PDB file of N, CA and C in Angstrom:
ATOM      1  N   MET A   1     -49.193 -29.630  33.966  1.00  0.00           N
ATOM      2  CA  MET A   1     -48.033 -30.248  34.538  1.00  0.00           C
ATOM      3  C   MET A   1     -47.446 -29.308  35.587  1.00  0.00           C
ATOM      4  N   GLN A   2     -47.151 -29.852  36.710  1.00  0.00           N
ATOM      5  CA  GLN A   2     -46.600 -29.049  37.794  1.00  0.00           C
ATOM      6  C   GLN A   2     -45.109 -29.325  37.943  1.00  0.00           C
ATOM      7  N   VAL A   3     -44.350 -28.238  38.077  1.00  0.00           N
ATOM      8  CA  VAL A   3     -42.909 -28.342  38.254  1.00  0.00           C
ATOM      9  C   VAL A   3     -42.636 -28.299  39.754  1.00  0.00           C
ATOM     10  N   PRO A   4     -41.852 -29.241  40.237  1.00  0.00           N
ATOM     11  CA  PRO A   4     -41.529 -29.222  41.668  1.00  0.00           C
ATOM     12  C   PRO A   4     -40.812 -27.915  42.033  1.00  0.00           C
ATOM     13  N   SER A   5     -41.101 -27.373  43.181  1.00  0.00           N
ATOM     14  CA  SER A   5     -40.558 -26.081  43.582  1.00  0.00           C
ATOM     15  C   SER A   5     -39.044 -26.103  43.744  1.00  0.00           C
ATOM     16  N   GLU A   6     -38.467 -27.256  44.037  1.00  0.00           N
ATOM     17  CA  GLU A   6     -37.006 -27.309  44.189  1.00  0.00           C
ATOM     18  C   GLU A   6     -36.277 -27.210  42.843  1.00  0.00           C
ATOM     19  N   LEU A   7     -36.980 -27.387  41.692  1.00  0.00           N
ATOM     20  CA  LEU A   7     -36.361 -27.265  40.374  1.00  0.00           C
ATOM     21  C   LEU A   7     -36.374 -25.838  39.843  1.00  0.00           C
ATOM     22  N   LYS A   8     -37.249 -24.992  40.395  1.00  0.00           N
ATOM     23  CA  LYS A   8     -37.364 -23.627  39.880  1.00  0.00           C
ATOM     24  C   LYS A   8     -36.055 -22.843  40.004  1.00  0.00           C
ATOM     25  N   PRO A   9     -35.342 -22.858  41.117  1.00  0.00           N
ATOM     26  CA  PRO A   9     -34.081 -22.111  41.178  1.00  0.00           C
ATOM     27  C   PRO A   9     -33.047 -22.634  40.165  1.00  0.00           C
ATOM     28  N   ALA A  10     -33.006 -23.932  39.962  1.00  0.00           N
ATOM     29  CA  ALA A  10     -32.065 -24.500  38.992  1.00  0.00           C
ATOM     30  C   ALA A  10     -32.430 -24.050  37.582  1.00  0.00           C
ATOM     31  N   ALA A  11     -33.715 -24.015  37.257  1.00  0.00           N
ATOM     32  CA  ALA A  11     -34.159 -23.586  35.932  1.00  0.00           C
ATOM     33  C   ALA A  11     -33.800 -22.121  35.704  1.00  0.00           C
ATOM     34  N   TRP A  12     -34.056 -21.262  36.711  1.00  0.00           N
ATOM     35  CA  TRP A  12     -33.704 -19.853  36.570  1.00  0.00           C
ATOM     36  C   TRP A  12     -32.187 -19.677  36.464  1.00  0.00           C
ATOM     37  N   GLY A  13     -31.427 -20.476  37.166  1.00  0.00           N
ATOM     38  CA  GLY A  13     -29.973 -20.426  37.077  1.00  0.00           C
ATOM     39  C   GLY A  13     -29.489 -20.805  35.686  1.00  0.00           C
ATOM     40  N   ALA A  14     -30.135 -21.828  35.102  1.00  0.00           N
ATOM     41  CA  ALA A  14     -29.774 -22.251  33.753  1.00  0.00           C
ATOM     42  C   ALA A  14     -30.094 -21.156  32.736  1.00  0.00           C
ATOM     43  N   VAL A  15     -31.242 -20.504  32.893  1.00  0.00           N
ATOM     44  CA  VAL A  15     -31.626 -19.415  31.986  1.00  0.00           C
ATOM     45  C   VAL A  15     -30.635 -18.257  32.120  1.00  0.00           C
ATOM     46  N   ALA A  16     -30.321 -17.872  33.354  1.00  0.00           N
ATOM     47  CA  ALA A  16     -29.378 -16.771  33.575  1.00  0.00           C
ATOM     48  C   ALA A  16     -27.993 -17.135  33.035  1.00  0.00           C
ATOM     49  N   GLY A  17     -27.580 -18.370  33.204  1.00  0.00           N
ATOM     50  CA  GLY A  17     -26.288 -18.823  32.688  1.00  0.00           C
ATOM     51  C   GLY A  17     -26.240 -18.788  31.174  1.00  0.00           C
ATOM     52  N   ALA A  18     -27.327 -19.195  30.536  1.00  0.00           N
ATOM     53  CA  ALA A  18     -27.383 -19.176  29.073  1.00  0.00           C
ATOM     54  C   ALA A  18     -27.304 -17.748  28.539  1.00  0.00           C
ATOM     55  N   ILE A  19     -27.998 -16.831  29.210  1.00  0.00           N
ATOM     56  CA  ILE A  19     -27.961 -15.429  28.792  1.00  0.00           C
ATOM     57  C   ILE A  19     -26.557 -14.862  28.980  1.00  0.00           C
ATOM     58  N   ALA A  20     -25.951 -15.132  30.131  1.00  0.00           N
ATOM     59  CA  ALA A  20     -24.592 -14.652  30.396  1.00  0.00           C
ATOM     60  C   ALA A  20     -23.601 -15.239  29.390  1.00  0.00           C
ATOM     61  N   LEU A  21     -23.747 -16.512  29.084  1.00  0.00           N
ATOM     62  CA  LEU A  21     -22.866 -17.158  28.117  1.00  0.00           C
ATOM     63  C   LEU A  21     -23.006 -16.510  26.734  1.00  0.00           C
ATOM     64  N   ALA A  22     -24.223 -16.208  26.314  1.00  0.00           N
ATOM     65  CA  ALA A  22     -24.446 -15.572  25.015  1.00  0.00           C
ATOM     66  C   ALA A  22     -23.826 -14.178  24.990  1.00  0.00           C
ATOM     67  N   ILE A  23     -24.004 -13.417  26.062  1.00  0.00           N
ATOM     68  CA  ILE A  23     -23.444 -12.069  26.110  1.00  0.00           C
ATOM     69  C   ILE A  23     -21.922 -12.123  26.032  1.00  0.00           C
ATOM     70  N   VAL A  24     -21.311 -12.967  26.834  1.00  0.00           N
ATOM     71  CA  VAL A  24     -19.854 -13.087  26.829  1.00  0.00           C
ATOM     72  C   VAL A  24     -19.360 -13.610  25.477  1.00  0.00           C
ATOM     73  N   GLY A  25     -20.027 -14.601  24.918  1.00  0.00           N
ATOM     74  CA  GLY A  25     -19.604 -15.191  23.648  1.00  0.00           C
ATOM     75  C   GLY A  25     -19.651 -14.215  22.486  1.00  0.00           C
ATOM     76  N   PHE A  26     -20.737 -13.441  22.390  1.00  0.00           N
ATOM     77  CA  PHE A  26     -20.858 -12.517  21.262  1.00  0.00           C
ATOM     78  C   PHE A  26     -20.010 -11.267  21.443  1.00  0.00           C
ATOM     79  N   ASN A  27     -19.812 -10.822  22.687  1.00  0.00           N
ATOM     80  CA  ASN A  27     -19.036  -9.599  22.901  1.00  0.00           C
ATOM     81  C   ASN A  27     -17.534  -9.844  22.957  1.00  0.00           C
ATOM     82  N   TRP A  28     -17.106 -10.909  23.628  1.00  0.00           N
ATOM     83  CA  TRP A  28     -15.670 -11.112  23.823  1.00  0.00           C
ATOM     84  C   TRP A  28     -15.178 -12.449  23.308  1.00  0.00           C
ATOM     85  N   GLY A  29     -16.060 -13.356  22.995  1.00  0.00           N
ATOM     86  CA  GLY A  29     -15.645 -14.693  22.582  1.00  0.00           C
ATOM     87  C   GLY A  29     -15.446 -14.867  21.092  1.00  0.00           C
ATOM     88  N   GLY A  30     -15.774 -13.849  20.304  1.00  0.00           N
ATOM     89  CA  GLY A  30     -15.576 -13.950  18.866  1.00  0.00           C
ATOM     90  C   GLY A  30     -16.721 -14.620  18.125  1.00  0.00           C
ATOM     91  N   TRP A  31     -17.831 -14.842  18.798  1.00  0.00           N
ATOM     92  CA  TRP A  31     -18.970 -15.437  18.107  1.00  0.00           C
ATOM     93  C   TRP A  31     -19.572 -14.397  17.174  1.00  0.00           C
ATOM     94  N   VAL A  32     -20.083 -14.849  16.028  1.00  0.00           N
ATOM     95  CA  VAL A  32     -20.765 -13.960  15.092  1.00  0.00           C
ATOM     96  C   VAL A  32     -22.003 -14.673  14.554  1.00  0.00           C
ATOM     97  N   THR A  33     -22.902 -13.875  14.016  1.00  0.00           N
ATOM     98  CA  THR A  33     -24.093 -14.453  13.404  1.00  0.00           C
ATOM     99  C   THR A  33     -23.743 -14.962  12.008  1.00  0.00           C
ATOM    100  N   GLY A  34     -24.624 -15.706  11.427  1.00  0.00           N
ATOM    101  CA  GLY A  34     -24.398 -16.219  10.078  1.00  0.00           C
ATOM    102  C   GLY A  34     -24.236 -15.107   9.060  1.00  0.00           C
ATOM    103  N   GLY A  35     -25.017 -14.038   9.196  1.00  0.00           N
ATOM    104  CA  GLY A  35     -24.917 -12.905   8.268  1.00  0.00           C
ATOM    105  C   GLY A  35     -23.568 -12.215   8.358  1.00  0.00           C
ATOM    106  N   THR A  36     -23.075 -12.038   9.571  1.00  0.00           N
ATOM    107  CA  THR A  36     -21.763 -11.415   9.746  1.00  0.00           C
ATOM    108  C   THR A  36     -20.670 -12.319   9.203  1.00  0.00           C
ATOM    109  N   ALA A  37     -20.801 -13.608   9.409  1.00  0.00           N
ATOM    110  CA  ALA A  37     -19.801 -14.547   8.880  1.00  0.00           C
ATOM    111  C   ALA A  37     -19.783 -14.506   7.352  1.00  0.00           C
ATOM    112  N   ASP A  38     -20.958 -14.433   6.736  1.00  0.00           N
ATOM    113  CA  ASP A  38     -21.023 -14.335   5.271  1.00  0.00           C
ATOM    114  C   ASP A  38     -20.380 -13.049   4.779  1.00  0.00           C
ATOM    115  N   LYS A  39     -20.667 -11.933   5.460  1.00  0.00           N
ATOM    116  CA  LYS A  39     -20.100 -10.645   5.078  1.00  0.00           C
ATOM    117  C   LYS A  39     -18.578 -10.676   5.206  1.00  0.00           C
ATOM    118  N   ASN A  40     -18.080 -11.214   6.297  1.00  0.00           N
ATOM    119  CA  ASN A  40     -16.633 -11.309   6.494  1.00  0.00           C
ATOM    120  C   ASN A  40     -15.980 -12.203   5.444  1.00  0.00           C
ATOM    121  N   ALA A  41     -16.646 -13.287   5.081  1.00  0.00           N
ATOM    122  CA  ALA A  41     -16.103 -14.195   4.064  1.00  0.00           C
ATOM    123  C   ALA A  41     -16.057 -13.512   2.701  1.00  0.00           C
ATOM    124  N   ARG A  42     -17.106 -12.756   2.362  1.00  0.00           N
ATOM    125  CA  ARG A  42     -17.124 -12.034   1.091  1.00  0.00           C
ATOM    126  C   ARG A  42     -16.005 -10.996   1.035  1.00  0.00           C
ATOM    127  N   GLU A  43     -15.825 -10.261   2.132  1.00  0.00           N
ATOM    128  CA  GLU A  43     -14.768  -9.249   2.174  1.00  0.00           C
ATOM    129  C   GLU A  43     -13.386  -9.888   2.039  1.00  0.00           C
ATOM    130  N   ALA A  44     -13.184 -11.018   2.690  1.00  0.00           N
ATOM    131  CA  ALA A  44     -11.892 -11.714   2.597  1.00  0.00           C
ATOM    132  C   ALA A  44     -11.654 -12.220   1.176  1.00  0.00           C
ATOM    133  N   ALA A  45     -12.693 -12.743   0.547  1.00  0.00           N
ATOM    134  CA  ALA A  45     -12.563 -13.240  -0.828  1.00  0.00           C
ATOM    135  C   ALA A  45     -12.269 -12.087  -1.788  1.00  0.00           C
ATOM    136  N   ASP A  46     -12.982 -10.973  -1.626  1.00  0.00           N
ATOM    137  CA  ASP A  46     -12.736  -9.812  -2.490  1.00  0.00           C
ATOM    138  C   ASP A  46     -11.312  -9.296  -2.316  1.00  0.00           C
ATOM    139  N   SER A  47     -10.854  -9.247  -1.083  1.00  0.00           N
ATOM    140  CA  SER A  47      -9.491  -8.793  -0.806  1.00  0.00           C
ATOM    141  C   SER A  47      -8.457  -9.722  -1.442  1.00  0.00           C
ATOM    142  N   ALA A  48      -8.707 -11.019  -1.370  1.00  0.00           N
ATOM    143  CA  ALA A  48      -7.779 -11.985  -1.969  1.00  0.00           C
ATOM    144  C   ALA A  48      -7.754 -11.844  -3.486  1.00  0.00           C
ATOM    145  N   ILE A  49      -8.899 -11.619  -4.081  1.00  0.00           N
ATOM    146  CA  ILE A  49      -8.980 -11.454  -5.532  1.00  0.00           C
ATOM    147  C   ILE A  49      -8.206 -10.208  -5.961  1.00  0.00           C
ATOM    148  N   VAL A  50      -8.371  -9.125  -5.223  1.00  0.00           N
ATOM    149  CA  VAL A  50      -7.657  -7.886  -5.548  1.00  0.00           C
ATOM    150  C   VAL A  50      -6.151  -8.109  -5.427  1.00  0.00           C
ATOM    151  N   ARG A  51      -5.713  -8.805  -4.365  1.00  0.00           N
ATOM    152  CA  ARG A  51      -4.279  -9.066  -4.179  1.00  0.00           C
ATOM    153  C   ARG A  51      -3.704  -9.883  -5.329  1.00  0.00           C
ATOM    154  N   VAL A  52      -4.497 -10.764  -5.906  1.00  0.00           N
ATOM    155  CA  VAL A  52      -4.019 -11.607  -6.998  1.00  0.00           C
ATOM    156  C   VAL A  52      -4.055 -10.865  -8.329  1.00  0.00           C
ATOM    157  N   LEU A  53      -5.093 -10.074  -8.559  1.00  0.00           N
ATOM    158  CA  LEU A  53      -5.263  -9.432  -9.861  1.00  0.00           C
ATOM    159  C   LEU A  53      -4.497  -8.118 -10.014  1.00  0.00           C
ATOM    160  N   ALA A  54      -4.185  -7.436  -8.940  1.00  0.00           N
ATOM    161  CA  ALA A  54      -3.481  -6.150  -9.042  1.00  0.00           C
ATOM    162  C   ALA A  54      -2.114  -6.292  -9.717  1.00  0.00           C
ATOM    163  N   PRO A  55      -1.312  -7.300  -9.384  1.00  0.00           N
ATOM    164  CA  PRO A  55      -0.038  -7.432 -10.102  1.00  0.00           C
ATOM    165  C   PRO A  55      -0.215  -7.714 -11.600  1.00  0.00           C
ATOM    166  N   ILE A  56      -1.278  -8.421 -11.962  1.00  0.00           N
ATOM    167  CA  ILE A  56      -1.560  -8.679 -13.375  1.00  0.00           C
ATOM    168  C   ILE A  56      -1.880  -7.358 -14.076  1.00  0.00           C
ATOM    169  N   CYS A  57      -2.669  -6.524 -13.418  1.00  0.00           N
ATOM    170  CA  CYS A  57      -3.009  -5.209 -13.959  1.00  0.00           C
ATOM    171  C   CYS A  57      -1.743  -4.373 -14.132  1.00  0.00           C
ATOM    172  N   ALA A  58      -0.889  -4.369 -13.132  1.00  0.00           N
ATOM    173  CA  ALA A  58       0.353  -3.593 -13.209  1.00  0.00           C
ATOM    174  C   ALA A  58       1.238  -4.100 -14.350  1.00  0.00           C
ATOM    175  N   GLU A  59       1.272  -5.399 -14.522  1.00  0.00           N
ATOM    176  CA  GLU A  59       2.068  -5.984 -15.613  1.00  0.00           C
ATOM    177  C   GLU A  59       1.502  -5.573 -16.972  1.00  0.00           C
ATOM    178  N   LYS A  60       0.163  -5.584 -17.104  1.00  0.00           N
ATOM    179  CA  LYS A  60      -0.468  -5.141 -18.350  1.00  0.00           C
ATOM    180  C   LYS A  60      -0.118  -3.686 -18.632  1.00  0.00           C
ATOM    181  N   PHE A  61      -0.127  -2.863 -17.588  1.00  0.00           N
ATOM    182  CA  PHE A  61       0.212  -1.450 -17.735  1.00  0.00           C
ATOM    183  C   PHE A  61       1.642  -1.299 -18.228  1.00  0.00           C
ATOM    184  N   GLN A  62       2.565  -2.026 -17.635  1.00  0.00           N
ATOM    185  CA  GLN A  62       3.983  -1.896 -17.974  1.00  0.00           C
ATOM    186  C   GLN A  62       4.333  -2.528 -19.310  1.00  0.00           C
ATOM    187  N   GLN A  63       3.513  -3.438 -19.822  1.00  0.00           N
ATOM    188  CA  GLN A  63       3.785  -4.113 -21.089  1.00  0.00           C
ATOM    189  C   GLN A  63       3.366  -3.288 -22.304  1.00  0.00           C
ATOM    190  N   GLN A  64       2.602  -2.228 -22.117  1.00  0.00           N
ATOM    191  CA  GLN A  64       2.149  -1.447 -23.260  1.00  0.00           C
ATOM    192  C   GLN A  64       3.315  -0.679 -23.880  1.00  0.00           C
ATOM    193  N   ALA A  65       3.158  -0.316 -25.121  1.00  0.00           N
ATOM    194  CA  ALA A  65       4.241   0.340 -25.866  1.00  0.00           C
ATOM    195  C   ALA A  65       4.623   1.696 -25.280  1.00  0.00           C
ATOM    196  N   ASP A  66       3.631   2.477 -24.848  1.00  0.00           N
ATOM    197  CA  ASP A  66       3.909   3.820 -24.330  1.00  0.00           C
ATOM    198  C   ASP A  66       3.795   3.864 -22.806  1.00  0.00           C
ATOM    199  N   ALA A  67       4.344   2.855 -22.147  1.00  0.00           N
ATOM    200  CA  ALA A  67       4.232   2.744 -20.690  1.00  0.00           C
ATOM    201  C   ALA A  67       4.882   3.930 -19.976  1.00  0.00           C
ATOM    202  N   GLY A  68       5.982   4.417 -20.518  1.00  0.00           N
ATOM    203  CA  GLY A  68       6.664   5.547 -19.883  1.00  0.00           C
ATOM    204  C   GLY A  68       5.818   6.793 -19.834  1.00  0.00           C
ATOM    205  N   SER A  69       5.197   7.125 -20.946  1.00  0.00           N
ATOM    206  CA  SER A  69       4.351   8.331 -20.976  1.00  0.00           C
ATOM    207  C   SER A  69       3.092   8.138 -20.138  1.00  0.00           C
ATOM    208  N   LYS A  70       2.557   6.918 -20.128  1.00  0.00           N
ATOM    209  CA  LYS A  70       1.374   6.647 -19.307  1.00  0.00           C
ATOM    210  C   LYS A  70       1.722   6.729 -17.815  1.00  0.00           C
ATOM    211  N   MET A  71       2.950   6.333 -17.468  1.00  0.00           N
ATOM    212  CA  MET A  71       3.382   6.418 -16.078  1.00  0.00           C
ATOM    213  C   MET A  71       3.485   7.873 -15.643  1.00  0.00           C
ATOM    214  N   VAL A  72       3.960   8.720 -16.547  1.00  0.00           N
ATOM    215  CA  VAL A  72       4.031  10.156 -16.253  1.00  0.00           C
ATOM    216  C   VAL A  72       2.620  10.693 -16.029  1.00  0.00           C
ATOM    217  N   GLU A  73       1.685  10.307 -16.890  1.00  0.00           N
ATOM    218  CA  GLU A  73       0.288  10.735 -16.740  1.00  0.00           C
ATOM    219  C   GLU A  73      -0.292  10.245 -15.425  1.00  0.00           C
ATOM    220  N   LEU A  74       0.002   8.992 -15.085  1.00  0.00           N
ATOM    221  CA  LEU A  74      -0.508   8.422 -13.838  1.00  0.00           C
ATOM    222  C   LEU A  74       0.023   9.204 -12.633  1.00  0.00           C
ATOM    223  N   ARG A  75       1.282   9.524 -12.646  1.00  0.00           N
ATOM    224  CA  ARG A  75       1.880  10.243 -11.517  1.00  0.00           C
ATOM    225  C   ARG A  75       1.388  11.687 -11.438  1.00  0.00           C
ATOM    226  N   LYS A  76       0.992  12.266 -12.580  1.00  0.00           N
ATOM    227  CA  LYS A  76       0.437  13.621 -12.574  1.00  0.00           C
ATOM    228  C   LYS A  76      -0.962  13.642 -11.957  1.00  0.00           C
ATOM    229  N   ALA A  77      -1.681  12.538 -12.093  1.00  0.00           N
ATOM    230  CA  ALA A  77      -3.038  12.466 -11.547  1.00  0.00           C
ATOM    231  C   ALA A  77      -2.969  12.490 -10.025  1.00  0.00           C
ATOM    232  N   SER A  78      -3.992  13.066  -9.413  1.00  0.00           N
ATOM    233  CA  SER A  78      -4.027  13.084  -7.950  1.00  0.00           C
ATOM    234  C   SER A  78      -4.206  11.659  -7.435  1.00  0.00           C
ATOM    235  N   THR A  79      -3.869  11.464  -6.194  1.00  0.00           N
ATOM    236  CA  THR A  79      -3.890  10.123  -5.606  1.00  0.00           C
ATOM    237  C   THR A  79      -5.257   9.459  -5.754  1.00  0.00           C
ATOM    238  N   TRP A  80      -6.333  10.203  -5.525  1.00  0.00           N
ATOM    239  CA  TRP A  80      -7.670   9.610  -5.599  1.00  0.00           C
ATOM    240  C   TRP A  80      -8.171   9.429  -7.024  1.00  0.00           C
ATOM    241  N   GLU A  81      -7.491  10.003  -8.012  1.00  0.00           N
ATOM    242  CA  GLU A  81      -7.892   9.841  -9.412  1.00  0.00           C
ATOM    243  C   GLU A  81      -7.120   8.731 -10.118  1.00  0.00           C
ATOM    244  N   ARG A  82      -6.087   8.205  -9.488  1.00  0.00           N
ATOM    245  CA  ARG A  82      -5.239   7.216 -10.147  1.00  0.00           C
ATOM    246  C   ARG A  82      -5.977   5.919 -10.449  1.00  0.00           C
ATOM    247  N   GLY A  83      -6.834   5.495  -9.526  1.00  0.00           N
ATOM    248  CA  GLY A  83      -7.616   4.289  -9.783  1.00  0.00           C
ATOM    249  C   GLY A  83      -8.518   4.455 -10.994  1.00  0.00           C
ATOM    250  N   THR A  84      -9.134   5.627 -11.114  1.00  0.00           N
ATOM    251  CA  THR A  84      -9.993   5.919 -12.266  1.00  0.00           C
ATOM    252  C   THR A  84      -9.182   5.949 -13.552  1.00  0.00           C
ATOM    253  N   PHE A  85      -7.968   6.487 -13.477  1.00  0.00           N
ATOM    254  CA  PHE A  85      -7.081   6.521 -14.648  1.00  0.00           C
ATOM    255  C   PHE A  85      -6.786   5.099 -15.120  1.00  0.00           C
ATOM    256  N   VAL A  86      -6.495   4.212 -14.178  1.00  0.00           N
ATOM    257  CA  VAL A  86      -6.197   2.816 -14.528  1.00  0.00           C
ATOM    258  C   VAL A  86      -7.445   2.136 -15.092  1.00  0.00           C
ATOM    259  N   GLU A  87      -8.599   2.412 -14.496  1.00  0.00           N
ATOM    260  CA  GLU A  87      -9.856   1.836 -15.005  1.00  0.00           C
ATOM    261  C   GLU A  87     -10.105   2.276 -16.439  1.00  0.00           C
ATOM    262  N   LYS A  88      -9.973   3.579 -16.705  1.00  0.00           N
ATOM    263  CA  LYS A  88     -10.244   4.108 -18.042  1.00  0.00           C
ATOM    264  C   LYS A  88      -9.252   3.581 -19.066  1.00  0.00           C
ATOM    265  N   GLY A  89      -8.035   3.294 -18.628  1.00  0.00           N
ATOM    266  CA  GLY A  89      -7.029   2.746 -19.533  1.00  0.00           C
ATOM    267  C   GLY A  89      -7.294   1.301 -19.906  1.00  0.00           C
ATOM    268  N   GLY A  90      -8.174   0.632 -19.161  1.00  0.00           N
ATOM    269  CA  GLY A  90      -8.539  -0.749 -19.471  1.00  0.00           C
ATOM    270  C   GLY A  90      -7.635  -1.794 -18.839  1.00  0.00           C
ATOM    271  N   TRP A  91      -6.663  -1.367 -18.041  1.00  0.00           N
ATOM    272  CA  TRP A  91      -5.722  -2.328 -17.463  1.00  0.00           C
ATOM    273  C   TRP A  91      -6.343  -3.122 -16.318  1.00  0.00           C
ATOM    274  N   ALA A  92      -7.406  -2.592 -15.706  1.00  0.00           N
ATOM    275  CA  ALA A  92      -8.068  -3.280 -14.599  1.00  0.00           C
ATOM    276  C   ALA A  92      -9.218  -4.166 -15.077  1.00  0.00           C
ATOM    277  N   THR A  93      -9.415  -4.253 -16.389  1.00  0.00           N
ATOM    278  CA  THR A  93     -10.429  -5.144 -16.950  1.00  0.00           C
ATOM    279  C   THR A  93      -9.751  -6.469 -17.262  1.00  0.00           C
ATOM    280  N   MET A  94     -10.120  -7.480 -16.527  1.00  0.00           N
ATOM    281  CA  MET A  94      -9.473  -8.780 -16.671  1.00  0.00           C
ATOM    282  C   MET A  94     -10.100  -9.581 -17.811  1.00  0.00           C
ATOM    283  N   PRO A  95      -9.352 -10.505 -18.384  1.00  0.00           N
ATOM    284  CA  PRO A  95      -9.900 -11.339 -19.457  1.00  0.00           C
ATOM    285  C   PRO A  95     -11.184 -12.034 -19.007  1.00  0.00           C
ATOM    286  N   GLY A  96     -12.173 -12.011 -19.852  1.00  0.00           N
ATOM    287  CA  GLY A  96     -13.460 -12.623 -19.540  1.00  0.00           C
ATOM    288  C   GLY A  96     -14.422 -11.669 -18.862  1.00  0.00           C
ATOM    289  N   SER A  97     -13.970 -10.478 -18.550  1.00  0.00           N
ATOM    290  CA  SER A  97     -14.810  -9.482 -17.895  1.00  0.00           C
ATOM    291  C   SER A  97     -15.038  -8.330 -18.851  1.00  0.00           C
ATOM    292  N   THR A  98     -16.173  -7.673 -18.722  1.00  0.00           N
ATOM    293  CA  THR A  98     -16.470  -6.535 -19.595  1.00  0.00           C
ATOM    294  C   THR A  98     -16.290  -5.204 -18.880  1.00  0.00           C
ATOM    295  N   THR A  99     -16.202  -5.239 -17.558  1.00  0.00           N
ATOM    296  CA  THR A  99     -16.041  -4.007 -16.794  1.00  0.00           C
ATOM    297  C   THR A  99     -14.805  -4.096 -15.908  1.00  0.00           C
ATOM    298  N   PRO A 100     -14.170  -2.957 -15.664  1.00  0.00           N
ATOM    299  CA  PRO A 100     -12.999  -2.970 -14.791  1.00  0.00           C
ATOM    300  C   PRO A 100     -13.403  -3.096 -13.332  1.00  0.00           C
ATOM    301  N   SER A 101     -12.516  -3.604 -12.537  1.00  0.00           N
ATOM    302  CA  SER A 101     -12.732  -3.720 -11.101  1.00  0.00           C
ATOM    303  C   SER A 101     -12.126  -2.514 -10.410  1.00  0.00           C
ATOM    304  N   THR A 102     -12.939  -1.795  -9.662  1.00  0.00           N
ATOM    305  CA  THR A 102     -12.470  -0.591  -8.972  1.00  0.00           C
ATOM    306  C   THR A 102     -11.389  -0.930  -7.956  1.00  0.00           C
ATOM    307  N   GLY A 103     -11.593  -1.992  -7.189  1.00  0.00           N
ATOM    308  CA  GLY A 103     -10.603  -2.388  -6.196  1.00  0.00           C
ATOM    309  C   GLY A 103      -9.278  -2.770  -6.825  1.00  0.00           C
ATOM    310  N   VAL A 104      -9.342  -3.494  -7.922  1.00  0.00           N
ATOM    311  CA  VAL A 104      -8.120  -3.892  -8.631  1.00  0.00           C
ATOM    312  C   VAL A 104      -7.429  -2.648  -9.191  1.00  0.00           C
ATOM    313  N   ALA A 105      -8.198  -1.706  -9.723  1.00  0.00           N
ATOM    314  CA  ALA A 105      -7.618  -0.490 -10.291  1.00  0.00           C
ATOM    315  C   ALA A 105      -6.886   0.319  -9.223  1.00  0.00           C
ATOM    316  N   ARG A 106      -7.497   0.459  -8.045  1.00  0.00           N
ATOM    317  CA  ARG A 106      -6.848   1.209  -6.968  1.00  0.00           C
ATOM    318  C   ARG A 106      -5.564   0.521  -6.517  1.00  0.00           C
ATOM    319  N   ALA A 107      -5.642  -0.795  -6.318  1.00  0.00           N
ATOM    320  CA  ALA A 107      -4.460  -1.544  -5.880  1.00  0.00           C
ATOM    321  C   ALA A 107      -3.368  -1.522  -6.947  1.00  0.00           C
ATOM    322  N   CYS A 108      -3.772  -1.583  -8.203  1.00  0.00           N
ATOM    323  CA  CYS A 108      -2.824  -1.524  -9.322  1.00  0.00           C
ATOM    324  C   CYS A 108      -2.109  -0.178  -9.342  1.00  0.00           C
ATOM    325  N   ALA A 109      -2.857   0.898  -9.169  1.00  0.00           N
ATOM    326  CA  ALA A 109      -2.256   2.233  -9.148  1.00  0.00           C
ATOM    327  C   ALA A 109      -1.268   2.363  -7.996  1.00  0.00           C
ATOM    328  N   GLU A 110      -1.607   1.774  -6.848  1.00  0.00           N
ATOM    329  CA  GLU A 110      -0.686   1.807  -5.706  1.00  0.00           C
ATOM    330  C   GLU A 110       0.589   1.024  -6.014  1.00  0.00           C
ATOM    331  N   LEU A 111       0.435  -0.131  -6.660  1.00  0.00           N
ATOM    332  CA  LEU A 111       1.610  -0.925  -7.028  1.00  0.00           C
ATOM    333  C   LEU A 111       2.509  -0.167  -8.007  1.00  0.00           C
ATOM    334  N   LEU A 112       1.900   0.463  -8.970  1.00  0.00           N
ATOM    335  CA  LEU A 112       2.659   1.191  -9.981  1.00  0.00           C
ATOM    336  C   LEU A 112       3.372   2.408  -9.384  1.00  0.00           C
ATOM    337  N   ASP A 113       2.795   2.967  -8.345  1.00  0.00           N
ATOM    338  CA  ASP A 113       3.352   4.164  -7.730  1.00  0.00           C
ATOM    339  C   ASP A 113       4.532   3.845  -6.789  1.00  0.00           C
ATOM    340  N   LYS A 114       4.628   2.588  -6.358  1.00  0.00           N
ATOM    341  CA  LYS A 114       5.723   2.210  -5.454  1.00  0.00           C
ATOM    342  C   LYS A 114       7.046   2.217  -6.219  1.00  0.00           C
ATOM    343  N   PRO A 115       8.078   2.732  -5.588  1.00  0.00           N
ATOM    344  CA  PRO A 115       9.387   2.682  -6.252  1.00  0.00           C
ATOM    345  C   PRO A 115       9.904   1.257  -6.320  1.00  0.00           C
ATOM    346  N   LYS A 116      10.558   0.927  -7.432  1.00  0.00           N
ATOM    347  CA  LYS A 116      11.092  -0.428  -7.593  1.00  0.00           C
ATOM    348  C   LYS A 116      12.366  -0.557  -6.783  1.00  0.00           C
ATOM    349  N   VAL A 117      12.514  -1.719  -6.164  1.00  0.00           N
ATOM    350  CA  VAL A 117      13.683  -1.949  -5.318  1.00  0.00           C
ATOM    351  C   VAL A 117      14.750  -2.667  -6.109  1.00  0.00           C
TER     352      VAL A 117
END
């Protein structure tokens, strides 16, 4: 099949336009691949779960009988050890789960460390 010579410049223009459109779309237009969209969705879901469960963890911590002494222990721990302290205490283990959530434990420790208004 022979392509008329007057169509060749239009075809090359269309190819160049498609390439330029893809470059602009992915770099500045906010386009993402399916894998990136899945990763972003997972991160957003995990963040939402932590935001919902951290107050529950903090409430569990404050409801225990010796909450005052545990709060002193928590504040004595270094900032990076507080999440581990909450995990080991079992407050970041939600009902139906057998293991604590590290993200929930860190967020819970941050909530507990904030002064009450």
